[in-house]
Amino acid sequence: MSFEDLLKDLQGQKTIQEDPNHVSLEKLFNESFMSKHSSFKSFEEFLEKGNFQVKTHEDINNIHDELFDRHVVRETDFANWKSMLDSATKEYEGKSEA
C-alpha cells in the first residue's frame, strides 16, 4: 500500500480495524518495530515526544509534513515519515505472509 493510499484511507475511513485490507497504525508501528528503529516502545510514545496531539487517524493527516519529517529524523533511524511508513508496511506484510 502506498503512502497516498494510506492517507486516503485514513482520511475517509473511521472503521479501518474492521476492514481486513487495512492495518491500524498500532499494528504497523508495533513495539518490535518501534524498539528496533527508535528509542520508543510505542507509536503513541513517539507522537507524545513530539507534542503531537493525535487522537484519531485524521489528526495524523493534519500534522504539517515538514514538522513530522523533522521529528522522524530526530527520533528514528529514518530519513522521513514516508520511509518510516513504507518500512513498517513492508515488515508487516512480510510477517503476515509468513
PDB file of N, CA and C in Angstrom:
ATOM      1  N   MET A   1       0.846  -1.172   0.000  1.00  0.00           N
ATOM      2  CA  MET A   1       0.000   0.000   0.000  1.00  0.00           C
ATOM      3  C   MET A   1       0.892   1.235   0.000  1.00  0.00           C
ATOM      4  N   SER A   2       0.603   2.146  -0.893  1.00  0.00           N
ATOM      5  CA  SER A   2       1.420   3.361  -0.981  1.00  0.00           C
ATOM      6  C   SER A   2       1.030   4.343   0.110  1.00  0.00           C
ATOM      7  N   PHE A   3       1.890   5.297   0.350  1.00  0.00           N
ATOM      8  CA  PHE A   3       1.640   6.334   1.339  1.00  0.00           C
ATOM      9  C   PHE A   3       0.363   7.097   0.990  1.00  0.00           C
ATOM     10  N   GLU A   4       0.178   7.406  -0.300  1.00  0.00           N
ATOM     11  CA  GLU A   4      -1.002   8.149  -0.727  1.00  0.00           C
ATOM     12  C   GLU A   4      -2.274   7.341  -0.464  1.00  0.00           C
ATOM     13  N   ASP A   5      -2.222   6.031  -0.735  1.00  0.00           N
ATOM     14  CA  ASP A   5      -3.383   5.183  -0.472  1.00  0.00           C
ATOM     15  C   ASP A   5      -3.709   5.153   1.013  1.00  0.00           C
ATOM     16  N   LEU A   6      -2.672   5.059   1.845  1.00  0.00           N
ATOM     17  CA  LEU A   6      -2.889   5.035   3.289  1.00  0.00           C
ATOM     18  C   LEU A   6      -3.507   6.346   3.751  1.00  0.00           C
ATOM     19  N   LEU A   7      -3.011   7.460   3.224  1.00  0.00           N
ATOM     20  CA  LEU A   7      -3.579   8.751   3.597  1.00  0.00           C
ATOM     21  C   LEU A   7      -5.053   8.834   3.216  1.00  0.00           C
ATOM     22  N   LYS A   8      -5.389   8.395   2.014  1.00  0.00           N
ATOM     23  CA  LYS A   8      -6.781   8.409   1.580  1.00  0.00           C
ATOM     24  C   LYS A   8      -7.636   7.562   2.508  1.00  0.00           C
ATOM     25  N   ASP A   9      -7.119   6.394   2.865  1.00  0.00           N
ATOM     26  CA  ASP A   9      -7.855   5.512   3.761  1.00  0.00           C
ATOM     27  C   ASP A   9      -8.028   6.129   5.141  1.00  0.00           C
ATOM     28  N   LEU A  10      -6.983   6.745   5.644  1.00  0.00           N
ATOM     29  CA  LEU A  10      -7.059   7.353   6.967  1.00  0.00           C
ATOM     30  C   LEU A  10      -8.028   8.524   6.979  1.00  0.00           C
ATOM     31  N   GLN A  11      -8.089   9.254   5.875  1.00  0.00           N
ATOM     32  CA  GLN A  11      -8.964  10.417   5.816  1.00  0.00           C
ATOM     33  C   GLN A  11     -10.433  10.018   5.742  1.00  0.00           C
ATOM     34  N   GLY A  12     -10.736   8.950   5.039  1.00  0.00           N
ATOM     35  CA  GLY A  12     -12.137   8.657   4.775  1.00  0.00           C
ATOM     36  C   GLY A  12     -12.724   7.475   5.502  1.00  0.00           C
ATOM     37  N   GLN A  13     -11.953   6.792   6.276  1.00  0.00           N
ATOM     38  CA  GLN A  13     -12.461   5.562   6.846  1.00  0.00           C
ATOM     39  C   GLN A  13     -12.234   5.534   8.347  1.00  0.00           C
ATOM     40  N   LYS A  14     -13.326   5.522   9.103  1.00  0.00           N
ATOM     41  CA  LYS A  14     -13.208   5.534  10.559  1.00  0.00           C
ATOM     42  C   LYS A  14     -13.165   4.126  11.133  1.00  0.00           C
ATOM     43  N   THR A  15     -13.470   3.127  10.329  1.00  0.00           N
ATOM     44  CA  THR A  15     -13.516   1.752  10.839  1.00  0.00           C
ATOM     45  C   THR A  15     -12.446   0.900  10.164  1.00  0.00           C
ATOM     46  N   ILE A  16     -11.240   1.421  10.125  1.00  0.00           N
ATOM     47  CA  ILE A  16     -10.136   0.727   9.469  1.00  0.00           C
ATOM     48  C   ILE A  16      -9.910  -0.654  10.074  1.00  0.00           C
ATOM     49  N   GLN A  17      -9.998  -0.769  11.406  1.00  0.00           N
ATOM     50  CA  GLN A  17      -9.734  -2.047  12.046  1.00  0.00           C
ATOM     51  C   GLN A  17     -10.726  -3.125  11.602  1.00  0.00           C
ATOM     52  N   GLU A  18     -11.915  -2.725  11.174  1.00  0.00           N
ATOM     53  CA  GLU A  18     -12.917  -3.692  10.758  1.00  0.00           C
ATOM     54  C   GLU A  18     -12.668  -4.216   9.346  1.00  0.00           C
ATOM     55  N   ASP A  19     -11.849  -3.542   8.580  1.00  0.00           N
ATOM     56  CA  ASP A  19     -11.569  -3.934   7.208  1.00  0.00           C
ATOM     57  C   ASP A  19     -10.268  -4.730   7.171  1.00  0.00           C
ATOM     58  N   PRO A  20     -10.322  -6.007   6.758  1.00  0.00           N
ATOM     59  CA  PRO A  20      -9.108  -6.827   6.766  1.00  0.00           C
ATOM     60  C   PRO A  20      -8.035  -6.353   5.784  1.00  0.00           C
ATOM     61  N   ASN A  21      -8.379  -5.490   4.843  1.00  0.00           N
ATOM     62  CA  ASN A  21      -7.398  -4.995   3.879  1.00  0.00           C
ATOM     63  C   ASN A  21      -6.634  -3.778   4.394  1.00  0.00           C
ATOM     64  N   HIS A  22      -6.997  -3.293   5.574  1.00  0.00           N
ATOM     65  CA  HIS A  22      -6.337  -2.124   6.146  1.00  0.00           C
ATOM     66  C   HIS A  22      -5.772  -2.482   7.509  1.00  0.00           C
ATOM     67  N   VAL A  23      -4.629  -1.937   7.792  1.00  0.00           N
ATOM     68  CA  VAL A  23      -3.923  -2.249   9.028  1.00  0.00           C
ATOM     69  C   VAL A  23      -3.867  -0.996   9.890  1.00  0.00           C
ATOM     70  N   SER A  24      -4.147  -1.142  11.173  1.00  0.00           N
ATOM     71  CA  SER A  24      -4.087   0.010  12.070  1.00  0.00           C
ATOM     72  C   SER A  24      -2.642   0.459  12.244  1.00  0.00           C
ATOM     73  N   LEU A  25      -2.471   1.714  12.596  1.00  0.00           N
ATOM     74  CA  LEU A  25      -1.131   2.250  12.828  1.00  0.00           C
ATOM     75  C   LEU A  25      -0.472   1.546  14.004  1.00  0.00           C
ATOM     76  N   GLU A  26      -1.259   1.136  14.988  1.00  0.00           N
ATOM     77  CA  GLU A  26      -0.709   0.428  16.145  1.00  0.00           C
ATOM     78  C   GLU A  26      -0.104  -0.914  15.727  1.00  0.00           C
ATOM     79  N   LYS A  27      -0.721  -1.567  14.756  1.00  0.00           N
ATOM     80  CA  LYS A  27      -0.171  -2.837  14.274  1.00  0.00           C
ATOM     81  C   LYS A  27       1.045  -2.607  13.391  1.00  0.00           C
ATOM     82  N   LEU A  28       0.985  -1.589  12.544  1.00  0.00           N
ATOM     83  CA  LEU A  28       2.129  -1.274  11.686  1.00  0.00           C
ATOM     84  C   LEU A  28       3.338  -0.883  12.515  1.00  0.00           C
ATOM     85  N   PHE A  29       3.119   0.018  13.461  1.00  0.00           N
ATOM     86  CA  PHE A  29       4.208   0.537  14.289  1.00  0.00           C
ATOM     87  C   PHE A  29       4.152  -0.148  15.654  1.00  0.00           C
ATOM     88  N   ASN A  30       4.294  -1.459  15.634  1.00  0.00           N
ATOM     89  CA  ASN A  30       4.208  -2.240  16.865  1.00  0.00           C
ATOM     90  C   ASN A  30       5.468  -2.053  17.709  1.00  0.00           C
ATOM     91  N   GLU A  31       5.457  -2.650  18.902  1.00  0.00           N
ATOM     92  CA  GLU A  31       6.577  -2.476  19.834  1.00  0.00           C
ATOM     93  C   GLU A  31       7.898  -2.941  19.232  1.00  0.00           C
ATOM     94  N   SER A  32       7.874  -4.049  18.526  1.00  0.00           N
ATOM     95  CA  SER A  32       9.092  -4.572  17.917  1.00  0.00           C
ATOM     96  C   SER A  32       9.669  -3.577  16.908  1.00  0.00           C
ATOM     97  N   PHE A  33       8.831  -3.058  16.040  1.00  0.00           N
ATOM     98  CA  PHE A  33       9.271  -2.097  15.023  1.00  0.00           C
ATOM     99  C   PHE A  33       9.801  -0.822  15.679  1.00  0.00           C
ATOM    100  N   MET A  34       9.051  -0.282  16.631  1.00  0.00           N
ATOM    101  CA  MET A  34       9.455   0.972  17.264  1.00  0.00           C
ATOM    102  C   MET A  34      10.746   0.803  18.055  1.00  0.00           C
ATOM    103  N   SER A  35      10.899  -0.316  18.739  1.00  0.00           N
ATOM    104  CA  SER A  35      12.126  -0.565  19.518  1.00  0.00           C
ATOM    105  C   SER A  35      13.344  -0.699  18.613  1.00  0.00           C
ATOM    106  N   LYS A  36      13.140  -1.302  17.458  1.00  0.00           N
ATOM    107  CA  LYS A  36      14.253  -1.508  16.518  1.00  0.00           C
ATOM    108  C   LYS A  36      14.711  -0.199  15.873  1.00  0.00           C
ATOM    109  N   HIS A  37      13.784   0.696  15.598  1.00  0.00           N
ATOM    110  CA  HIS A  37      14.097   1.898  14.821  1.00  0.00           C
ATOM    111  C   HIS A  37      14.103   3.200  15.627  1.00  0.00           C
ATOM    112  N   SER A  38      13.798   3.123  16.917  1.00  0.00           N
ATOM    113  CA  SER A  38      13.767   4.336  17.739  1.00  0.00           C
ATOM    114  C   SER A  38      14.030   3.963  19.194  1.00  0.00           C
ATOM    115  N   SER A  39      13.966   4.948  20.060  1.00  0.00           N
ATOM    116  CA  SER A  39      14.130   4.677  21.489  1.00  0.00           C
ATOM    117  C   SER A  39      12.775   4.520  22.178  1.00  0.00           C
ATOM    118  N   PHE A  40      11.727   4.390  21.399  1.00  0.00           N
ATOM    119  CA  PHE A  40      10.374   4.278  21.935  1.00  0.00           C
ATOM    120  C   PHE A  40       9.845   2.853  21.814  1.00  0.00           C
ATOM    121  N   LYS A  41       8.917   2.517  22.706  1.00  0.00           N
ATOM    122  CA  LYS A  41       8.290   1.195  22.646  1.00  0.00           C
ATOM    123  C   LYS A  41       6.956   1.239  21.918  1.00  0.00           C
ATOM    124  N   SER A  42       6.420   2.433  21.731  1.00  0.00           N
ATOM    125  CA  SER A  42       5.131   2.530  21.054  1.00  0.00           C
ATOM    126  C   SER A  42       5.078   3.766  20.162  1.00  0.00           C
ATOM    127  N   PHE A  43       4.195   3.698  19.184  1.00  0.00           N
ATOM    128  CA  PHE A  43       3.969   4.827  18.282  1.00  0.00           C
ATOM    129  C   PHE A  43       3.393   5.994  19.084  1.00  0.00           C
ATOM    130  N   GLU A  44       2.582   5.676  20.070  1.00  0.00           N
ATOM    131  CA  GLU A  44       1.985   6.699  20.920  1.00  0.00           C
ATOM    132  C   GLU A  44       3.065   7.490  21.666  1.00  0.00           C
ATOM    133  N   GLU A  45       4.061   6.792  22.243  1.00  0.00           N
ATOM    134  CA  GLU A  45       5.177   7.471  22.924  1.00  0.00           C
ATOM    135  C   GLU A  45       5.929   8.370  21.950  1.00  0.00           C
ATOM    136  N   PHE A  46       6.145   7.869  20.753  1.00  0.00           N
ATOM    137  CA  PHE A  46       6.844   8.621  19.707  1.00  0.00           C
ATOM    138  C   PHE A  46       6.097   9.926  19.405  1.00  0.00           C
ATOM    139  N   LEU A  47       4.771   9.835  19.270  1.00  0.00           N
ATOM    140  CA  LEU A  47       3.963  11.025  18.988  1.00  0.00           C
ATOM    141  C   LEU A  47       3.981  11.998  20.155  1.00  0.00           C
ATOM    142  N   GLU A  48       3.870  11.459  21.374  1.00  0.00           N
ATOM    143  CA  GLU A  48       3.870  12.305  22.563  1.00  0.00           C
ATOM    144  C   GLU A  48       5.179  13.083  22.693  1.00  0.00           C
ATOM    145  N   LYS A  49       6.304  12.455  22.392  1.00  0.00           N
ATOM    146  CA  LYS A  49       7.612  13.105  22.466  1.00  0.00           C
ATOM    147  C   LYS A  49       7.665  14.335  21.560  1.00  0.00           C
ATOM    148  N   GLY A  50       6.981  14.270  20.430  1.00  0.00           N
ATOM    149  CA  GLY A  50       6.946  15.398  19.500  1.00  0.00           C
ATOM    150  C   GLY A  50       5.836  16.385  19.791  1.00  0.00           C
ATOM    151  N   ASN A  51       5.118  16.162  20.906  1.00  0.00           N
ATOM    152  CA  ASN A  51       3.978  17.006  21.279  1.00  0.00           C
ATOM    153  C   ASN A  51       2.898  17.037  20.209  1.00  0.00           C
ATOM    154  N   PHE A  52       2.739  15.913  19.520  1.00  0.00           N
ATOM    155  CA  PHE A  52       1.675  15.806  18.520  1.00  0.00           C
ATOM    156  C   PHE A  52       0.428  15.276  19.219  1.00  0.00           C
ATOM    157  N   GLN A  53      -0.645  16.020  19.095  1.00  0.00           N
ATOM    158  CA  GLN A  53      -1.915  15.637  19.707  1.00  0.00           C
ATOM    159  C   GLN A  53      -2.688  14.768  18.716  1.00  0.00           C
ATOM    160  N   VAL A  54      -2.553  13.476  18.870  1.00  0.00           N
ATOM    161  CA  VAL A  54      -3.183  12.557  17.926  1.00  0.00           C
ATOM    162  C   VAL A  54      -4.178  11.671  18.668  1.00  0.00           C
ATOM    163  N   LYS A  55      -5.439  11.855  18.346  1.00  0.00           N
ATOM    164  CA  LYS A  55      -6.486  11.018  18.921  1.00  0.00           C
ATOM    165  C   LYS A  55      -7.149  10.158  17.842  1.00  0.00           C
ATOM    166  N   THR A  56      -7.132  10.651  16.612  1.00  0.00           N
ATOM    167  CA  THR A  56      -7.773   9.936  15.507  1.00  0.00           C
ATOM    168  C   THR A  56      -6.795   9.840  14.329  1.00  0.00           C
ATOM    169  N   HIS A  57      -7.156   9.026  13.361  1.00  0.00           N
ATOM    170  CA  HIS A  57      -6.336   8.905  12.160  1.00  0.00           C
ATOM    171  C   HIS A  57      -6.285  10.232  11.402  1.00  0.00           C
ATOM    172  N   GLU A  58      -7.372  10.995  11.462  1.00  0.00           N
ATOM    173  CA  GLU A  58      -7.399  12.297  10.790  1.00  0.00           C
ATOM    174  C   GLU A  58      -6.357  13.241  11.368  1.00  0.00           C
ATOM    175  N   ASP A  59      -6.110  13.130  12.681  1.00  0.00           N
ATOM    176  CA  ASP A  59      -5.127  14.002  13.318  1.00  0.00           C
ATOM    177  C   ASP A  59      -3.743  13.838  12.693  1.00  0.00           C
ATOM    178  N   ILE A  60      -3.395  12.623  12.309  1.00  0.00           N
ATOM    179  CA  ILE A  60      -2.095  12.378  11.677  1.00  0.00           C
ATOM    180  C   ILE A  60      -2.006  13.130  10.356  1.00  0.00           C
ATOM    181  N   ASN A  61      -3.107  13.134   9.625  1.00  0.00           N
ATOM    182  CA  ASN A  61      -3.124  13.845   8.335  1.00  0.00           C
ATOM    183  C   ASN A  61      -2.996  15.349   8.505  1.00  0.00           C
ATOM    184  N   ASN A  62      -3.374  15.856   9.677  1.00  0.00           N
ATOM    185  CA  ASN A  62      -3.347  17.294   9.918  1.00  0.00           C
ATOM    186  C   ASN A  62      -1.992  17.799  10.405  1.00  0.00           C
ATOM    187  N   ILE A  63      -1.073  16.891  10.686  1.00  0.00           N
ATOM    188  CA  ILE A  63       0.271  17.299  11.103  1.00  0.00           C
ATOM    189  C   ILE A  63       1.026  17.795   9.870  1.00  0.00           C
ATOM    190  N   HIS A  64       1.639  18.947   9.990  1.00  0.00           N
ATOM    191  CA  HIS A  64       2.407  19.506   8.877  1.00  0.00           C
ATOM    192  C   HIS A  64       3.536  18.535   8.503  1.00  0.00           C
ATOM    193  N   ASP A  65       3.646  18.201   7.228  1.00  0.00           N
ATOM    194  CA  ASP A  65       4.619  17.206   6.759  1.00  0.00           C
ATOM    195  C   ASP A  65       6.045  17.517   7.210  1.00  0.00           C
ATOM    196  N   GLU A  66       6.452  18.769   7.071  1.00  0.00           N
ATOM    197  CA  GLU A  66       7.826  19.134   7.414  1.00  0.00           C
ATOM    198  C   GLU A  66       8.105  18.932   8.905  1.00  0.00           C
ATOM    199  N   LEU A  67       7.147  19.290   9.750  1.00  0.00           N
ATOM    200  CA  LEU A  67       7.319  19.096  11.200  1.00  0.00           C
ATOM    201  C   LEU A  67       7.422  17.615  11.539  1.00  0.00           C
ATOM    202  N   PHE A  68       6.564  16.826  10.932  1.00  0.00           N
ATOM    203  CA  PHE A  68       6.563  15.387  11.217  1.00  0.00           C
ATOM    204  C   PHE A  68       7.846  14.742  10.696  1.00  0.00           C
ATOM    205  N   ASP A  69       8.289  15.136   9.514  1.00  0.00           N
ATOM    206  CA  ASP A  69       9.551  14.614   8.965  1.00  0.00           C
ATOM    207  C   ASP A  69      10.724  14.940   9.892  1.00  0.00           C
ATOM    208  N   ARG A  70      10.765  16.164  10.421  1.00  0.00           N
ATOM    209  CA  ARG A  70      11.848  16.538  11.329  1.00  0.00           C
ATOM    210  C   ARG A  70      11.833  15.680  12.596  1.00  0.00           C
ATOM    211  N   HIS A  71      10.649  15.416  13.096  1.00  0.00           N
ATOM    212  CA  HIS A  71      10.521  14.570  14.290  1.00  0.00           C
ATOM    213  C   HIS A  71      10.994  13.152  13.981  1.00  0.00           C
ATOM    214  N   VAL A  72      10.620  12.636  12.829  1.00  0.00           N
ATOM    215  CA  VAL A  72      11.050  11.296  12.417  1.00  0.00           C
ATOM    216  C   VAL A  72      12.576  11.238  12.329  1.00  0.00           C
ATOM    217  N   VAL A  73      13.185  12.239  11.719  1.00  0.00           N
ATOM    218  CA  VAL A  73      14.646  12.272  11.573  1.00  0.00           C
ATOM    219  C   VAL A  73      15.334  12.316  12.943  1.00  0.00           C
ATOM    220  N   ARG A  74      14.810  13.132  13.850  1.00  0.00           N
ATOM    221  CA  ARG A  74      15.406  13.276  15.183  1.00  0.00           C
ATOM    222  C   ARG A  74      15.265  12.012  16.030  1.00  0.00           C
ATOM    223  N   GLU A  75      14.118  11.342  15.930  1.00  0.00           N
ATOM    224  CA  GLU A  75      13.793  10.295  16.892  1.00  0.00           C
ATOM    225  C   GLU A  75      13.883   8.868  16.357  1.00  0.00           C
ATOM    226  N   THR A  76      14.125   8.707  15.068  1.00  0.00           N
ATOM    227  CA  THR A  76      14.211   7.365  14.490  1.00  0.00           C
ATOM    228  C   THR A  76      15.423   7.272  13.576  1.00  0.00           C
ATOM    229  N   ASP A  77      15.607   6.099  12.980  1.00  0.00           N
ATOM    230  CA  ASP A  77      16.699   5.961  12.011  1.00  0.00           C
ATOM    231  C   ASP A  77      16.207   6.107  10.568  1.00  0.00           C
ATOM    232  N   PHE A  78      15.082   6.796  10.389  1.00  0.00           N
ATOM    233  CA  PHE A  78      14.533   7.037   9.052  1.00  0.00           C
ATOM    234  C   PHE A  78      14.773   8.469   8.613  1.00  0.00           C
ATOM    235  N   ALA A  79      14.794   8.668   7.288  1.00  0.00           N
ATOM    236  CA  ALA A  79      15.042   9.988   6.714  1.00  0.00           C
ATOM    237  C   ALA A  79      13.782  10.857   6.682  1.00  0.00           C
ATOM    238  N   ASN A  80      12.606  10.228   6.729  1.00  0.00           N
ATOM    239  CA  ASN A  80      11.346  10.973   6.700  1.00  0.00           C
ATOM    240  C   ASN A  80      10.182  10.039   7.038  1.00  0.00           C
ATOM    241  N   TRP A  81       8.988  10.615   7.163  1.00  0.00           N
ATOM    242  CA  TRP A  81       7.793   9.856   7.527  1.00  0.00           C
ATOM    243  C   TRP A  81       7.464   8.799   6.477  1.00  0.00           C
ATOM    244  N   LYS A  82       7.584   9.139   5.199  1.00  0.00           N
ATOM    245  CA  LYS A  82       7.246   8.184   4.141  1.00  0.00           C
ATOM    246  C   LYS A  82       8.127   6.939   4.233  1.00  0.00           C
ATOM    247  N   SER A  83       9.422   7.107   4.458  1.00  0.00           N
ATOM    248  CA  SER A  83      10.294   5.936   4.544  1.00  0.00           C
ATOM    249  C   SER A  83       9.970   5.107   5.791  1.00  0.00           C
ATOM    250  N   MET A  84       9.596   5.760   6.877  1.00  0.00           N
ATOM    251  CA  MET A  84       9.206   5.036   8.094  1.00  0.00           C
ATOM    252  C   MET A  84       7.939   4.230   7.841  1.00  0.00           C
ATOM    253  N   LEU A  85       6.963   4.861   7.216  1.00  0.00           N
ATOM    254  CA  LEU A  85       5.699   4.198   6.907  1.00  0.00           C
ATOM    255  C   LEU A  85       5.907   3.044   5.930  1.00  0.00           C
ATOM    256  N   ASP A  86       6.705   3.280   4.886  1.00  0.00           N
ATOM    257  CA  ASP A  86       6.974   2.226   3.894  1.00  0.00           C
ATOM    258  C   ASP A  86       7.665   1.028   4.535  1.00  0.00           C
ATOM    259  N   SER A  87       8.624   1.286   5.404  1.00  0.00           N
ATOM    260  CA  SER A  87       9.355   0.207   6.071  1.00  0.00           C
ATOM    261  C   SER A  87       8.428  -0.593   6.976  1.00  0.00           C
ATOM    262  N   ALA A  88       7.595   0.096   7.737  1.00  0.00           N
ATOM    263  CA  ALA A  88       6.650  -0.590   8.626  1.00  0.00           C
ATOM    264  C   ALA A  88       5.664  -1.436   7.825  1.00  0.00           C
ATOM    265  N   THR A  89       5.215  -0.902   6.704  1.00  0.00           N
ATOM    266  CA  THR A  89       4.272  -1.632   5.855  1.00  0.00           C
ATOM    267  C   THR A  89       4.923  -2.897   5.300  1.00  0.00           C
ATOM    268  N   LYS A  90       6.153  -2.780   4.807  1.00  0.00           N
ATOM    269  CA  LYS A  90       6.861  -3.950   4.263  1.00  0.00           C
ATOM    270  C   LYS A  90       7.090  -5.006   5.347  1.00  0.00           C
ATOM    271  N   GLU A  91       7.502  -4.572   6.541  1.00  0.00           N
ATOM    272  CA  GLU A  91       7.721  -5.512   7.639  1.00  0.00           C
ATOM    273  C   GLU A  91       6.424  -6.219   8.014  1.00  0.00           C
ATOM    274  N   TYR A  92       5.343  -5.459   8.097  1.00  0.00           N
ATOM    275  CA  TYR A  92       4.060  -6.046   8.464  1.00  0.00           C
ATOM    276  C   TYR A  92       3.600  -7.051   7.415  1.00  0.00           C
ATOM    277  N   GLU A  93       3.718  -6.674   6.157  1.00  0.00           N
ATOM    278  CA  GLU A  93       3.308  -7.579   5.072  1.00  0.00           C
ATOM    279  C   GLU A  93       4.159  -8.844   5.063  1.00  0.00           C
ATOM    280  N   GLY A  94       5.453  -8.707   5.355  1.00  0.00           N
ATOM    281  CA  GLY A  94       6.336  -9.865   5.426  1.00  0.00           C
ATOM    282  C   GLY A  94       5.934 -10.824   6.521  1.00  0.00           C
ATOM    283  N   LYS A  95       5.527 -10.291   7.672  1.00  0.00           N
ATOM    284  CA  LYS A  95       5.107 -11.130   8.798  1.00  0.00           C
ATOM    285  C   LYS A  95       3.768 -11.791   8.535  1.00  0.00           C
ATOM    286  N   SER A  96       2.856 -11.057   7.899  1.00  0.00           N
ATOM    287  CA  SER A  96       1.516 -11.610   7.681  1.00  0.00           C
ATOM    288  C   SER A  96       1.520 -12.694   6.601  1.00  0.00           C
ATOM    289  N   GLU A  97       2.538 -12.675   5.734  1.00  0.00           N
ATOM    290  CA  GLU A  97       2.630 -13.713   4.685  1.00  0.00           C
ATOM    291  C   GLU A  97       3.316 -14.961   5.205  1.00  0.00           C
ATOM    292  N   ALA A  98       4.060 -14.844   6.281  1.00  0.00           N
ATOM    293  CA  ALA A  98       4.823 -15.991   6.819  1.00  0.00           C
ATOM    294  C   ALA A  98       3.927 -17.015   7.468  1.00  0.00           C
TER     295      ALA A  98
END
